[in-house]
Amino acid sequence: MPDLWIDLLRCLDIPGPSTQNGETAEYEGRNQQLEYYRVFGGQLLGQLLQIASLTCPDKAVKSLHTVFTREGRAAEPVRYQAVRAHEGKSFGAVTITATQPSRGVIATASISMHVLEDGPEHQEVEEVGPVLGPEYEIPLDLIPWETRAAVDLNDPTVGPPQFEVWMRTPNVDAALAPALAAYATDLTLIGTALRPIEGADQRGNGTTFASAVTSHTVWFHRPFRTDDWLLLRQHSPLLAHGRSFGRGDVLTRDGVLVASYGQEALVRFAKRD
């Protein structure tokens, strides 16, 4: 098993386009080397954001909306076709399709880009408390950096559908912050939605229930870094008809709101006798 952090950075290092024709370019991304047969959706989110930045290099990502059409296979590289649908002085729009030879389309994304502008600012969010101490360290599968939380989503104890986790990566270029944050936002919303369900926790995927993310959206509000503490504060207001919905905010240790996200997922419980 390779070092997960180094392996993730390699996955986010997207080489230049293999082909380019006008407003369309094609890229190929490598997959994380995990003991897991599926491609992790967070990896795809990070690669999509990196490709969008290559497509419109003078703009910052404003939002990413991704629909996961079917699971990807870790044994096959992912090929991306990026189309620059619009690029003006202030805004840009990129559509990206991710495919694999044996699977066809595994994800589609619409990404909005924007040149950072000055103007009045306002935010209204719940205050952020102090960073939790090292006694709250809780490893999260697939997250290769520091994470601290007062709640363990692997504990089947019933609780409200809320979860907060502090995270801090090793020192890394700030240009990777959107991709790394998006990667992290994909992991724990299903587990958050399961907290009110007796006997369920996020480790039960494939046994007590089956789950798969169907769509994921991230909005980026301000520039930030991931190598200082960030708080992911999330809530799942709904689990119904075999689907969960969750949303969250990414805040700095000073309480500055830098990103928000939302996710819908399949959560199908095994039938009981």
Protein backbone atom coordinates (compact mmCIF):
# COMPACT_ATOMS: atom_id res chain seq x y z
CA MET A 1 0.00 0.00 0.00
CA PRO A 2 1.58 3.35 -1.03
CA ASP A 3 1.60 6.42 1.18
CA LEU A 4 -1.98 7.67 0.80
CA TRP A 5 -1.04 11.36 0.88
CA ILE A 6 1.66 11.08 -1.78
CA ASP A 7 -0.59 8.85 -3.86
CA LEU A 8 -3.45 11.38 -3.71
CA LEU A 9 -1.15 14.25 -4.74
CA ARG A 10 -0.03 12.19 -7.74
CA CYS A 11 -3.65 11.63 -8.72
CA LEU A 12 -4.29 15.37 -8.59
CA ASP A 13 -1.23 16.11 -10.75
CA ILE A 14 -3.06 15.99 -14.07
CA PRO A 15 -0.74 16.06 -17.10
CA GLY A 16 -1.51 18.37 -19.99
CA PRO A 17 -4.21 17.37 -22.46
CA SER A 18 -3.53 14.30 -24.54
CA THR A 19 -5.51 15.86 -27.38
CA GLN A 20 -7.01 19.29 -27.95
CA ASN A 21 -9.38 20.49 -30.63
CA GLY A 22 -10.63 24.05 -30.31
CA GLU A 23 -12.63 24.33 -27.09
CA THR A 24 -12.41 20.59 -26.33
CA ALA A 25 -9.49 18.88 -24.61
CA GLU A 26 -8.97 15.33 -23.35
CA TYR A 27 -7.09 14.32 -20.21
CA GLU A 28 -6.32 11.11 -18.38
CA GLY A 29 -6.18 10.71 -14.61
CA ARG A 30 -4.65 7.89 -12.60
CA ASN A 31 -6.57 6.27 -9.75
CA GLN A 32 -5.68 6.00 -6.10
CA GLN A 33 -4.06 2.72 -5.13
CA LEU A 34 -6.54 1.61 -2.49
CA GLU A 35 -7.70 -1.75 -1.20
CA TYR A 36 -11.00 -0.92 -2.85
CA TYR A 37 -12.29 -1.97 -6.25
CA ARG A 38 -14.29 1.22 -6.90
CA VAL A 39 -13.00 4.67 -7.75
CA PHE A 40 -13.64 6.95 -4.78
CA GLY A 41 -15.94 9.83 -5.76
CA GLY A 42 -13.73 12.32 -3.91
CA GLN A 43 -10.88 11.46 -6.26
CA LEU A 44 -13.08 12.27 -9.24
CA LEU A 45 -14.17 15.57 -7.69
CA GLY A 46 -10.57 16.60 -7.13
CA GLN A 47 -9.51 15.66 -10.65
CA LEU A 48 -12.48 17.47 -12.18
CA LEU A 49 -11.50 20.65 -10.35
CA GLN A 50 -7.87 20.35 -11.43
CA ILE A 51 -8.92 19.93 -15.06
CA ALA A 52 -11.25 22.94 -14.84
CA SER A 53 -8.34 25.03 -13.56
CA LEU A 54 -6.22 23.87 -16.49
CA THR A 55 -9.03 24.78 -18.88
CA CYS A 56 -9.55 28.33 -17.50
CA PRO A 57 -6.23 29.06 -15.75
CA ASP A 58 -6.89 32.76 -15.09
CA LYS A 59 -10.10 32.11 -13.12
CA ALA A 60 -10.98 30.46 -9.81
CA VAL A 61 -13.57 27.72 -9.45
CA LYS A 62 -16.89 29.13 -8.23
CA SER A 63 -18.95 25.94 -8.18
CA LEU A 64 -18.82 22.29 -9.17
CA HIS A 65 -21.91 20.16 -9.76
CA THR A 66 -21.25 16.49 -10.44
CA VAL A 67 -23.61 13.65 -11.30
CA PHE A 68 -22.19 10.16 -10.76
CA THR A 69 -23.82 7.93 -13.35
CA ARG A 70 -22.21 4.59 -12.42
CA GLU A 71 -19.34 3.36 -10.29
CA GLY A 72 -15.86 3.51 -11.74
CA ARG A 73 -13.37 0.64 -11.62
CA ALA A 74 -10.08 1.31 -9.85
CA ALA A 75 -8.20 -0.96 -12.26
CA GLU A 76 -8.87 1.38 -15.22
CA PRO A 77 -7.66 4.97 -15.67
CA VAL A 78 -10.29 7.66 -16.04
CA ARG A 79 -10.46 9.66 -19.26
CA TYR A 80 -11.87 13.17 -19.15
CA GLN A 81 -13.26 15.26 -22.00
CA ALA A 82 -13.39 18.94 -21.05
CA VAL A 83 -15.37 21.45 -23.10
CA ARG A 84 -14.91 25.17 -22.47
CA ALA A 85 -18.53 26.17 -22.96
CA HIS A 86 -17.90 29.84 -22.20
CA GLU A 87 -15.04 32.10 -21.22
CA GLY A 88 -15.62 35.80 -20.75
CA LYS A 89 -13.73 38.50 -18.88
CA SER A 90 -15.32 37.62 -15.52
CA PHE A 91 -16.93 34.18 -15.82
CA GLY A 92 -16.20 30.87 -17.46
CA ALA A 93 -18.06 27.58 -17.76
CA VAL A 94 -16.59 24.12 -18.29
CA THR A 95 -18.39 20.82 -18.82
CA ILE A 96 -16.44 17.63 -18.22
CA THR A 97 -17.34 14.02 -18.92
CA ALA A 98 -15.45 11.19 -17.18
CA THR A 99 -15.37 7.79 -18.88
CA GLN A 100 -13.73 4.38 -18.65
CA PRO A 101 -13.38 1.90 -21.51
CA SER A 102 -15.40 -0.87 -19.87
CA ARG A 103 -17.89 1.35 -18.03
CA GLY A 104 -18.71 4.20 -20.38
CA VAL A 105 -19.65 7.48 -18.69
CA ILE A 106 -19.06 7.35 -14.93
CA ALA A 107 -19.56 11.05 -14.13
CA THR A 108 -20.50 14.37 -15.68
CA ALA A 109 -19.73 17.80 -14.26
CA SER A 110 -20.67 21.42 -14.81
CA ILE A 111 -18.12 23.83 -13.39
CA SER A 112 -18.45 27.59 -13.09
CA MET A 113 -15.34 29.80 -12.96
CA HIS A 114 -14.98 33.41 -11.84
CA VAL A 115 -12.31 36.08 -11.61
CA LEU A 116 -12.03 37.14 -7.95
CA GLU A 117 -13.55 40.59 -7.44
CA ASP A 118 -13.59 43.14 -4.60
CA GLY A 119 -16.82 44.26 -2.96
CA PRO A 120 -18.72 44.40 0.33
CA GLU A 121 -18.78 41.22 2.42
CA HIS A 122 -21.27 39.61 4.79
CA GLN A 123 -21.73 36.20 6.33
CA GLU A 124 -24.05 34.75 8.95
CA VAL A 125 -23.01 31.37 10.35
CA GLU A 126 -22.88 29.77 13.76
CA GLU A 127 -19.68 30.62 15.61
CA VAL A 128 -16.76 28.21 15.40
CA GLY A 129 -15.39 26.88 18.68
CA PRO A 130 -11.75 26.12 19.37
CA VAL A 131 -9.96 23.39 17.45
CA LEU A 132 -10.40 20.07 19.24
CA GLY A 133 -7.31 18.74 20.99
CA PRO A 134 -5.24 15.71 19.91
CA GLU A 135 -7.26 13.44 22.22
CA TYR A 136 -10.09 13.77 19.66
CA GLU A 137 -8.07 12.39 16.76
CA ILE A 138 -10.26 10.00 14.76
CA PRO A 139 -8.87 8.44 11.59
CA LEU A 140 -11.26 8.58 8.66
CA ASP A 141 -10.89 5.99 5.93
CA LEU A 142 -9.44 7.49 2.71
CA ILE A 143 -8.49 10.80 4.41
CA PRO A 144 -4.66 10.88 4.58
CA TRP A 145 -4.29 13.83 6.97
CA GLU A 146 -5.15 14.95 10.50
CA THR A 147 -8.83 14.68 11.47
CA ARG A 148 -10.41 15.39 14.84
CA ALA A 149 -14.04 14.90 15.85
CA ALA A 150 -16.13 14.52 19.00
CA VAL A 151 -18.39 11.96 17.26
CA ASP A 152 -17.28 8.67 15.71
CA LEU A 153 -19.40 7.81 12.67
CA ASN A 154 -18.27 4.20 13.01
CA ASP A 155 -20.14 4.00 16.32
CA PRO A 156 -23.73 2.73 15.82
CA THR A 157 -24.99 4.78 18.77
CA VAL A 158 -28.10 6.74 17.76
CA GLY A 159 -27.66 10.51 17.53
CA PRO A 160 -28.80 13.56 15.58
CA PRO A 161 -27.90 13.69 11.87
CA GLN A 162 -25.09 16.17 12.45
CA PHE A 163 -21.32 15.86 12.31
CA GLU A 164 -18.36 18.19 12.68
CA VAL A 165 -14.78 17.29 11.88
CA TRP A 166 -11.62 19.37 12.02
CA MET A 167 -9.03 18.62 9.36
CA ARG A 168 -5.54 19.79 8.44
CA THR A 169 -3.38 18.52 5.60
CA PRO A 170 0.42 18.52 5.47
CA ASN A 171 1.98 21.63 3.92
CA VAL A 172 0.73 21.91 0.37
CA ASP A 173 0.33 24.46 -2.41
CA ALA A 174 -2.78 26.61 -1.84
CA ALA A 175 -3.75 25.98 -5.48
CA LEU A 176 -4.71 22.44 -4.45
CA ALA A 177 -7.09 23.60 -1.69
CA PRO A 178 -10.34 23.34 -3.71
CA ALA A 179 -9.51 19.82 -4.93
CA LEU A 180 -8.44 18.60 -1.48
CA ALA A 181 -11.47 20.11 0.26
CA ALA A 182 -13.86 18.67 -2.33
CA TYR A 183 -12.21 15.27 -1.86
CA ALA A 184 -12.93 15.42 1.89
CA THR A 185 -16.55 16.57 1.52
CA ASP A 186 -17.49 13.36 -0.30
CA LEU A 187 -16.74 10.96 2.55
CA THR A 188 -18.99 11.40 5.60
CA LEU A 189 -22.39 12.79 4.57
CA ILE A 190 -23.93 9.33 4.24
CA GLY A 191 -22.62 8.41 7.68
CA THR A 192 -24.13 11.63 9.02
CA ALA A 193 -27.52 10.74 7.55
CA LEU A 194 -27.38 7.30 9.23
CA ARG A 195 -26.84 8.56 12.77
CA PRO A 196 -30.57 8.52 13.75
CA ILE A 197 -31.00 4.93 12.46
CA GLU A 198 -30.65 2.33 15.21
CA GLY A 199 -27.95 -0.23 14.51
CA ALA A 200 -26.59 1.58 11.46
CA ASP A 201 -23.22 3.22 10.92
CA GLN A 202 -21.11 4.02 7.90
CA ARG A 203 -19.14 0.76 8.16
CA GLY A 204 -22.28 -1.16 7.21
CA ASN A 205 -22.10 -0.34 3.51
CA GLY A 206 -22.34 -3.63 1.64
CA THR A 207 -23.83 -5.52 4.60
CA THR A 208 -26.73 -3.77 6.35
CA PHE A 209 -27.20 -1.33 3.49
CA ALA A 210 -25.91 -0.36 0.05
CA SER A 211 -24.95 3.22 -0.70
CA ALA A 212 -23.60 5.25 -3.59
CA VAL A 213 -23.34 9.00 -4.11
CA THR A 214 -25.54 10.11 -7.02
CA SER A 215 -24.75 13.84 -7.12
CA HIS A 216 -22.41 16.21 -5.31
CA THR A 217 -22.11 19.99 -5.45
CA VAL A 218 -19.47 22.28 -3.95
CA TRP A 219 -19.53 26.08 -3.92
CA PHE A 220 -16.29 27.96 -3.26
CA HIS A 221 -16.74 31.37 -1.63
CA ARG A 222 -13.25 32.57 -0.71
CA PRO A 223 -9.62 31.51 -1.20
CA PHE A 224 -8.27 29.30 1.61
CA ARG A 225 -5.60 26.79 2.53
CA THR A 226 -5.96 23.23 3.74
CA ASP A 227 -2.68 23.11 5.69
CA ASP A 228 -4.26 25.18 8.46
CA TRP A 229 -7.23 23.87 10.42
CA LEU A 230 -10.60 23.76 8.65
CA LEU A 231 -13.94 22.73 10.14
CA LEU A 232 -16.38 20.66 8.08
CA ARG A 233 -19.79 21.23 9.69
CA GLN A 234 -22.54 19.13 8.16
CA HIS A 235 -26.17 18.12 8.62
CA SER A 236 -28.49 15.65 6.90
CA PRO A 237 -32.08 16.93 7.04
CA LEU A 238 -33.56 14.01 5.09
CA LEU A 239 -33.34 10.26 4.57
CA ALA A 240 -36.34 8.97 2.59
CA HIS A 241 -37.33 6.74 -0.34
CA GLY A 242 -33.91 5.12 -0.52
CA ARG A 243 -32.05 8.44 -0.76
CA SER A 244 -30.19 10.65 1.69
CA PHE A 245 -29.56 14.36 1.39
CA GLY A 246 -26.86 16.22 3.27
CA ARG A 247 -25.22 19.63 3.25
CA GLY A 248 -22.29 21.27 4.94
CA ASP A 249 -19.99 24.26 5.30
CA VAL A 250 -16.21 24.54 5.32
CA LEU A 251 -14.96 27.15 7.78
CA THR A 252 -11.53 28.32 8.87
CA ARG A 253 -10.47 28.20 12.52
CA ASP A 254 -11.39 31.93 12.63
CA GLY A 255 -14.94 31.17 11.52
CA VAL A 256 -14.60 32.39 7.92
CA LEU A 257 -16.95 30.54 5.57
CA VAL A 258 -14.87 29.45 2.57
CA ALA A 259 -16.99 26.74 0.91
CA SER A 260 -20.35 24.96 1.10
CA TYR A 261 -21.48 21.61 -0.25
CA GLY A 262 -24.48 19.35 -0.76
CA GLN A 263 -24.90 15.71 -1.65
CA GLU A 264 -27.60 13.23 -2.60
CA ALA A 265 -26.92 9.51 -2.29
CA LEU A 266 -28.58 6.15 -2.65
CA VAL A 267 -29.02 4.46 0.76
CA ARG A 268 -30.82 1.15 0.30
CA PHE A 269 -31.23 -1.03 3.38
CA ALA A 270 -31.24 -4.82 3.21
CA LYS A 271 -34.70 -6.30 3.59
CA ARG A 272 -35.33 -7.89 6.94
CA ASP A 273 -37.21 -11.16 7.43
